[in-house]
Amino acid sequence: MAATEAETATASGGGEPKQGSPVAVRRGPRLPLPGIHIGMPTGMPGRVLWWSGLAAVAALDIVEWPVAVLVAAGSWVAEQYAKAAASQLASTIDVRFTLPAEVQAGTVALCGEFNNWSAEDIQLERGGDGSWQATVALEPGRSYRYRYLLDGERWENAWHADRYVPNPYGGTDSVVIVE
């Protein structure tokens, strides 16, 4: 289905639709229920028209009031879900963590502030050259402490971390700075 000029202008940041054009509809995300896709008009006139139409449909007994309320609530939830998903996607950067092939280990776990120091969450995979690698989406504008856990028993720092800081256990942690 082709987008109208108004949908395209609004979706690409072109602002409100021009006078006389169809009302732009921001497509919401697909909800976990099959076949449910909710869209809400953008801009104040479109939203007033949408809510007025919903009230008219309920008032004319085309649908029951509870159904109208559920549709309205679903639209709001879809809008919030879309905002949160867009925010999360836009606010992370993929960071590749690598240990060289010379590390003698059967398994390597990445533990740090980004995964609450869990030894199970992020397992590095051995690359074709023998090095260990994992990619993690991290929020920019922060630094994160981390270490590698080899074979579930030996701690190893990154060989080329952005910096190193003492930890409360008498060792040092590697630090990655995400900009």
C-alpha atoms as a PDB file:
ATOM      1  CA  MET A   1       0.000   0.000   0.000  1.00  0.00           C
ATOM      2  CA  ALA A   2       1.519   3.332  -1.073  1.00  0.00           C
ATOM      3  CA  ALA A   3       1.771   6.137   1.480  1.00  0.00           C
ATOM      4  CA  THR A   4      -0.070   9.369   0.822  1.00  0.00           C
ATOM      5  CA  GLU A   5       1.911  12.603   0.485  1.00  0.00           C
ATOM      6  CA  ALA A   6       0.825  13.528   3.998  1.00  0.00           C
ATOM      7  CA  GLU A   7       2.008  10.204   5.448  1.00  0.00           C
ATOM      8  CA  THR A   8       5.342  10.550   3.696  1.00  0.00           C
ATOM      9  CA  ALA A   9       5.820  14.190   4.722  1.00  0.00           C
ATOM     10  CA  THR A  10       5.002  13.458   8.352  1.00  0.00           C
ATOM     11  CA  ALA A  11       7.022  10.251   8.554  1.00  0.00           C
ATOM     12  CA  SER A  12      10.091  11.929   7.070  1.00  0.00           C
ATOM     13  CA  GLY A  13       9.935  14.868   9.461  1.00  0.00           C
ATOM     14  CA  GLY A  14       8.288  17.175   6.938  1.00  0.00           C
ATOM     15  CA  GLY A  15       5.876  18.501   9.571  1.00  0.00           C
ATOM     16  CA  GLU A  16       2.099  18.764   9.414  1.00  0.00           C
ATOM     17  CA  PRO A  17       0.249  17.828   6.206  1.00  0.00           C
ATOM     18  CA  LYS A  18      -0.714  20.613   3.829  1.00  0.00           C
ATOM     19  CA  GLN A  19      -4.238  22.047   3.824  1.00  0.00           C
ATOM     20  CA  GLY A  20      -6.602  19.842   1.836  1.00  0.00           C
ATOM     21  CA  SER A  21      -4.392  16.751   1.934  1.00  0.00           C
ATOM     22  CA  PRO A  22      -5.482  13.539   3.663  1.00  0.00           C
ATOM     23  CA  VAL A  23      -4.886  13.298   7.405  1.00  0.00           C
ATOM     24  CA  ALA A  24      -1.470  11.784   8.052  1.00  0.00           C
ATOM     25  CA  VAL A  25      -1.462   8.551  10.008  1.00  0.00           C
ATOM     26  CA  ARG A  26       1.558   7.509  12.039  1.00  0.00           C
ATOM     27  CA  ARG A  27       1.639   3.752  11.798  1.00  0.00           C
ATOM     28  CA  GLY A  28       1.910   2.161  15.234  1.00  0.00           C
ATOM     29  CA  PRO A  29       3.831  -1.028  15.899  1.00  0.00           C
ATOM     30  CA  ARG A  30       2.301  -4.431  15.376  1.00  0.00           C
ATOM     31  CA  LEU A  31       0.981  -5.566  18.686  1.00  0.00           C
ATOM     32  CA  PRO A  32       1.590  -9.134  19.868  1.00  0.00           C
ATOM     33  CA  LEU A  33      -1.960 -10.057  18.851  1.00  0.00           C
ATOM     34  CA  PRO A  34      -2.296 -11.220  15.221  1.00  0.00           C
ATOM     35  CA  GLY A  35      -3.768  -8.726  12.812  1.00  0.00           C
ATOM     36  CA  ILE A  36      -3.882  -5.768  15.228  1.00  0.00           C
ATOM     37  CA  HIS A  37      -2.214  -2.628  13.932  1.00  0.00           C
ATOM     38  CA  ILE A  38      -3.224   0.733  15.338  1.00  0.00           C
ATOM     39  CA  GLY A  39      -2.602   4.128  13.792  1.00  0.00           C
ATOM     40  CA  MET A  40      -3.354   7.553  15.174  1.00  0.00           C
ATOM     41  CA  PRO A  41      -3.512  10.775  13.164  1.00  0.00           C
ATOM     42  CA  THR A  42      -0.722  13.254  13.752  1.00  0.00           C
ATOM     43  CA  GLY A  43      -1.299  16.910  14.549  1.00  0.00           C
ATOM     44  CA  MET A  44      -4.029  18.446  16.676  1.00  0.00           C
ATOM     45  CA  PRO A  45      -6.793  18.647  13.995  1.00  0.00           C
ATOM     46  CA  GLY A  46      -6.281  15.010  13.027  1.00  0.00           C
ATOM     47  CA  ARG A  47      -6.356  13.808  16.626  1.00  0.00           C
ATOM     48  CA  VAL A  48      -9.484  15.826  17.434  1.00  0.00           C
ATOM     49  CA  LEU A  49     -11.166  14.365  14.367  1.00  0.00           C
ATOM     50  CA  TRP A  50     -10.060  10.832  15.326  1.00  0.00           C
ATOM     51  CA  TRP A  51     -11.298  11.112  18.933  1.00  0.00           C
ATOM     52  CA  SER A  52     -14.552  12.764  17.753  1.00  0.00           C
ATOM     53  CA  GLY A  53     -15.142   9.942  15.289  1.00  0.00           C
ATOM     54  CA  LEU A  54     -14.488   7.380  18.018  1.00  0.00           C
ATOM     55  CA  ALA A  55     -16.991   9.123  20.328  1.00  0.00           C
ATOM     56  CA  ALA A  56     -19.569   9.315  17.500  1.00  0.00           C
ATOM     57  CA  VAL A  57     -19.184   5.612  16.717  1.00  0.00           C
ATOM     58  CA  ALA A  58     -19.766   4.787  20.382  1.00  0.00           C
ATOM     59  CA  ALA A  59     -22.663   7.251  20.731  1.00  0.00           C
ATOM     60  CA  LEU A  60     -24.438   5.810  17.701  1.00  0.00           C
ATOM     61  CA  ASP A  61     -24.182   2.325  19.227  1.00  0.00           C
ATOM     62  CA  ILE A  62     -22.124   1.090  16.298  1.00  0.00           C
ATOM     63  CA  VAL A  63     -19.797  -0.286  18.933  1.00  0.00           C
ATOM     64  CA  GLU A  64     -20.190  -0.458  22.684  1.00  0.00           C
ATOM     65  CA  TRP A  65     -18.512   2.157  24.875  1.00  0.00           C
ATOM     66  CA  PRO A  66     -16.116  -0.411  26.372  1.00  0.00           C
ATOM     67  CA  VAL A  67     -14.918  -1.299  22.866  1.00  0.00           C
ATOM     68  CA  ALA A  68     -14.382   2.387  22.068  1.00  0.00           C
ATOM     69  CA  VAL A  69     -12.402   2.816  25.284  1.00  0.00           C
ATOM     70  CA  LEU A  70     -10.291  -0.255  24.462  1.00  0.00           C
ATOM     71  CA  VAL A  71      -9.525   1.112  20.991  1.00  0.00           C
ATOM     72  CA  ALA A  72      -8.515   4.456  22.500  1.00  0.00           C
ATOM     73  CA  ALA A  73      -6.363   2.771  25.146  1.00  0.00           C
ATOM     74  CA  GLY A  74      -4.801   0.528  22.505  1.00  0.00           C
ATOM     75  CA  SER A  75      -3.889   3.566  20.409  1.00  0.00           C
ATOM     76  CA  TRP A  76      -2.242   5.226  23.379  1.00  0.00           C
ATOM     77  CA  VAL A  77      -0.333   2.042  24.298  1.00  0.00           C
ATOM     78  CA  ALA A  78       0.812   1.624  20.692  1.00  0.00           C
ATOM     79  CA  GLU A  79       2.023   5.226  20.581  1.00  0.00           C
ATOM     80  CA  GLN A  80       3.961   4.826  23.858  1.00  0.00           C
ATOM     81  CA  TYR A  81       5.432   1.516  22.673  1.00  0.00           C
ATOM     82  CA  ALA A  82       6.595   3.086  19.406  1.00  0.00           C
ATOM     83  CA  LYS A  83       8.197   6.039  21.222  1.00  0.00           C
ATOM     84  CA  ALA A  84      10.033   3.738  23.637  1.00  0.00           C
ATOM     85  CA  ALA A  85      11.245   1.434  20.849  1.00  0.00           C
ATOM     86  CA  ALA A  86      12.473   4.354  18.728  1.00  0.00           C
ATOM     87  CA  SER A  87      14.198   5.898  21.728  1.00  0.00           C
ATOM     88  CA  GLN A  88      15.931   2.650  22.612  1.00  0.00           C
ATOM     89  CA  LEU A  89      17.084   2.000  19.055  1.00  0.00           C
ATOM     90  CA  ALA A  90      18.396   5.513  18.616  1.00  0.00           C
ATOM     91  CA  SER A  91      20.173   5.620  21.954  1.00  0.00           C
ATOM     92  CA  THR A  92      22.530   2.642  21.757  1.00  0.00           C
ATOM     93  CA  ILE A  93      25.803   1.992  19.993  1.00  0.00           C
ATOM     94  CA  ASP A  94      27.157  -1.444  19.132  1.00  0.00           C
ATOM     95  CA  VAL A  95      30.482  -1.979  20.897  1.00  0.00           C
ATOM     96  CA  ARG A  96      32.675  -4.948  19.938  1.00  0.00           C
ATOM     97  CA  PHE A  97      34.630  -6.576  22.756  1.00  0.00           C
ATOM     98  CA  THR A  98      37.611  -8.677  21.668  1.00  0.00           C
ATOM     99  CA  LEU A  99      40.254 -10.816  23.343  1.00  0.00           C
ATOM    100  CA  PRO A 100      43.204 -12.068  21.272  1.00  0.00           C
ATOM    101  CA  ALA A 101      43.677 -15.694  20.270  1.00  0.00           C
ATOM    102  CA  GLU A 102      46.593 -16.041  22.716  1.00  0.00           C
ATOM    103  CA  VAL A 103      44.144 -16.228  25.624  1.00  0.00           C
ATOM    104  CA  GLN A 104      44.080 -19.835  26.755  1.00  0.00           C
ATOM    105  CA  ALA A 105      40.433 -20.590  27.563  1.00  0.00           C
ATOM    106  CA  GLY A 106      37.637 -22.929  26.588  1.00  0.00           C
ATOM    107  CA  THR A 107      34.916 -20.335  27.344  1.00  0.00           C
ATOM    108  CA  VAL A 108      34.936 -16.567  27.803  1.00  0.00           C
ATOM    109  CA  ALA A 109      32.139 -14.569  29.456  1.00  0.00           C
ATOM    110  CA  LEU A 110      31.855 -10.785  29.332  1.00  0.00           C
ATOM    111  CA  CYS A 111      30.863  -9.393  32.739  1.00  0.00           C
ATOM    112  CA  GLY A 112      30.323  -5.728  33.517  1.00  0.00           C
ATOM    113  CA  GLU A 113      28.114  -2.924  34.692  1.00  0.00           C
ATOM    114  CA  PHE A 114      26.012  -3.247  31.515  1.00  0.00           C
ATOM    115  CA  ASN A 115      24.815  -6.757  32.482  1.00  0.00           C
ATOM    116  CA  ASN A 116      25.023  -6.545  36.287  1.00  0.00           C
ATOM    117  CA  TRP A 117      28.252  -8.587  36.215  1.00  0.00           C
ATOM    118  CA  SER A 118      26.419 -11.710  35.059  1.00  0.00           C
ATOM    119  CA  ALA A 119      28.630 -14.573  33.878  1.00  0.00           C
ATOM    120  CA  GLU A 120      25.755 -16.105  31.881  1.00  0.00           C
ATOM    121  CA  ASP A 121      24.398 -13.188  29.836  1.00  0.00           C
ATOM    122  CA  ILE A 122      27.150 -12.559  27.280  1.00  0.00           C
ATOM    123  CA  GLN A 123      29.376 -15.363  26.009  1.00  0.00           C
ATOM    124  CA  LEU A 124      32.134 -14.461  23.579  1.00  0.00           C
ATOM    125  CA  GLU A 125      32.454 -16.532  20.414  1.00  0.00           C
ATOM    126  CA  ARG A 126      35.715 -17.656  18.886  1.00  0.00           C
ATOM    127  CA  GLY A 127      36.355 -16.040  15.510  1.00  0.00           C
ATOM    128  CA  GLY A 128      38.029 -17.594  12.492  1.00  0.00           C
ATOM    129  CA  ASP A 129      41.384 -16.147  13.588  1.00  0.00           C
ATOM    130  CA  GLY A 130      41.010 -17.655  17.087  1.00  0.00           C
ATOM    131  CA  SER A 131      40.180 -14.374  18.834  1.00  0.00           C
ATOM    132  CA  TRP A 132      37.165 -14.098  21.126  1.00  0.00           C
ATOM    133  CA  GLN A 133      34.428 -11.585  20.213  1.00  0.00           C
ATOM    134  CA  ALA A 134      31.032 -10.274  21.292  1.00  0.00           C
ATOM    135  CA  THR A 135      29.045  -7.193  20.300  1.00  0.00           C
ATOM    136  CA  VAL A 136      26.944  -5.378  22.905  1.00  0.00           C
ATOM    137  CA  ALA A 137      24.542  -2.442  22.429  1.00  0.00           C
ATOM    138  CA  LEU A 138      25.482   0.228  24.986  1.00  0.00           C
ATOM    139  CA  GLU A 139      24.105   3.663  25.807  1.00  0.00           C
ATOM    140  CA  PRO A 140      26.449   6.464  24.654  1.00  0.00           C
ATOM    141  CA  GLY A 141      27.727   9.201  26.933  1.00  0.00           C
ATOM    142  CA  ARG A 142      28.806   6.735  29.622  1.00  0.00           C
ATOM    143  CA  SER A 143      31.733   4.619  30.656  1.00  0.00           C
ATOM    144  CA  TYR A 144      31.351   1.001  31.760  1.00  0.00           C
ATOM    145  CA  ARG A 145      33.557  -1.197  33.950  1.00  0.00           C
ATOM    146  CA  TYR A 146      33.983  -4.768  32.716  1.00  0.00           C
ATOM    147  CA  ARG A 147      36.164  -7.881  32.838  1.00  0.00           C
ATOM    148  CA  TYR A 148      36.327 -11.224  31.095  1.00  0.00           C
ATOM    149  CA  LEU A 149      35.730 -14.464  33.001  1.00  0.00           C
ATOM    150  CA  LEU A 150      37.739 -17.322  31.507  1.00  0.00           C
ATOM    151  CA  ASP A 151      36.472 -20.872  31.984  1.00  0.00           C
ATOM    152  CA  GLY A 152      34.222 -19.668  34.806  1.00  0.00           C
ATOM    153  CA  GLU A 153      37.147 -19.179  37.203  1.00  0.00           C
ATOM    154  CA  ARG A 154      39.868 -16.771  35.993  1.00  0.00           C
ATOM    155  CA  TRP A 155      39.403 -13.011  35.559  1.00  0.00           C
ATOM    156  CA  GLU A 156      41.142 -11.252  32.679  1.00  0.00           C
ATOM    157  CA  ASN A 157      41.221  -7.562  31.801  1.00  0.00           C
ATOM    158  CA  ALA A 158      40.947  -6.264  28.263  1.00  0.00           C
ATOM    159  CA  TRP A 159      44.355  -5.913  26.666  1.00  0.00           C
ATOM    160  CA  HIS A 160      43.499  -2.528  25.150  1.00  0.00           C
ATOM    161  CA  ALA A 161      40.855  -0.922  27.376  1.00  0.00           C
ATOM    162  CA  ASP A 162      40.188   2.823  27.324  1.00  0.00           C
ATOM    163  CA  ARG A 163      41.407   2.904  30.926  1.00  0.00           C
ATOM    164  CA  TYR A 164      41.765   0.745  34.048  1.00  0.00           C
ATOM    165  CA  VAL A 165      40.375   1.472  37.525  1.00  0.00           C
ATOM    166  CA  PRO A 166      40.842  -0.289  40.870  1.00  0.00           C
ATOM    167  CA  ASN A 167      37.961  -2.476  42.029  1.00  0.00           C
ATOM    168  CA  PRO A 168      36.950  -3.224  45.648  1.00  0.00           C
ATOM    169  CA  TYR A 169      38.440  -6.749  45.436  1.00  0.00           C
ATOM    170  CA  GLY A 170      42.082  -5.675  45.130  1.00  0.00           C
ATOM    171  CA  GLY A 171      42.250  -5.964  41.332  1.00  0.00           C
ATOM    172  CA  THR A 172      41.526  -3.655  38.444  1.00  0.00           C
ATOM    173  CA  ASP A 173      38.597  -3.394  36.049  1.00  0.00           C
ATOM    174  CA  SER A 174      38.775  -2.503  32.384  1.00  0.00           C
ATOM    175  CA  VAL A 175      36.759   0.541  31.325  1.00  0.00           C
ATOM    176  CA  VAL A 176      35.184   1.246  27.959  1.00  0.00           C
ATOM    177  CA  ILE A 177      34.082   4.803  27.191  1.00  0.00           C
ATOM    178  CA  VAL A 178      31.105   4.950  24.826  1.00  0.00           C
ATOM    179  CA  GLU A 179      30.775   8.291  23.027  1.00  0.00           C
END
